[in-house]
């Protein structure tokens, strides 16, 4: 323990609680934090959407104000988790910070093609995914006895829930205005698959770091293939996709596709769960190269 931390009662208490957290939990918490810290990429992505981008950097349009406000709230998530991990003394911050820098430098490719229809479907899905992920890290922190960390993750989850509500309402309105265009966009986005925002995650060593982090999250039940299917079903219900009428021929095909996709994903998830039972242990640089079961 560093000299300054040794004399700080609050830091000592935080580190005592953190001792009870297993390494696989830290892998998932770190991965979530790194995802939050790549915020410059996400604001850049929002500003690629036609019709809603911030043309000046300080535009007074409603869309631009929303984008900046969303960014300012999201910025607090990564800051808070980063500070917790720095103070807990259990993780290698040098490799974590390297991963953040690599990730921001790599950007992201979610294939939204500057299209706000695709973009807001993506953000609706992604915000619900992060709500679920942070909610589950809160649940696990509580189970391991770290109530303060559970509170931190719970607060972040509640922010993500509000953001999800905003984006799903935007898409709901777009479905009212242009149901055919939106259902085609929904099907297009789901055929491409919703790539998680940190899919280019890299620490300078592990070319499959995101896959390995995701495998641990799947095993712990933090974010799973089942959650992916559940989110899809939720959005189909929320946007009343099954009830859309007056669609074109292509629109009806898209409607059938998105309404039947969750069941197919669930069947694939069952097979993946069987394969995961034979997964190896691997080293994670974030936790001083300790091994964790995938």
Foldseek 3Di string as FASTA:
>chain_A
DDPVLVPDPVLVVLLVLVVLDDPLLVLLLLVLLLLLLLLVLVLVVLLLAPPQHDPPQDDPDPSPVVSVVLSVVSNVLSVVSLVSVVSNPQWDVVLSVLQSVQQNVVHFCLPQNSHVLLVLLLLLLQLVQLLLLLQLSLVVSVVSPNNVSSVSSNVVSVSSVVSNVVSLVVNLVVCVVPVQVNLLSNLVSVVSPRDHRRCCGDRPPDRRSVVVSVLSCCVSVSGHLLNSLVSLCVSCVSSVLVPDPPYDPVSVVSSVCSNPPSVVSVVVRVVVVVVLVPFDWFFDNGRVGDTDRD
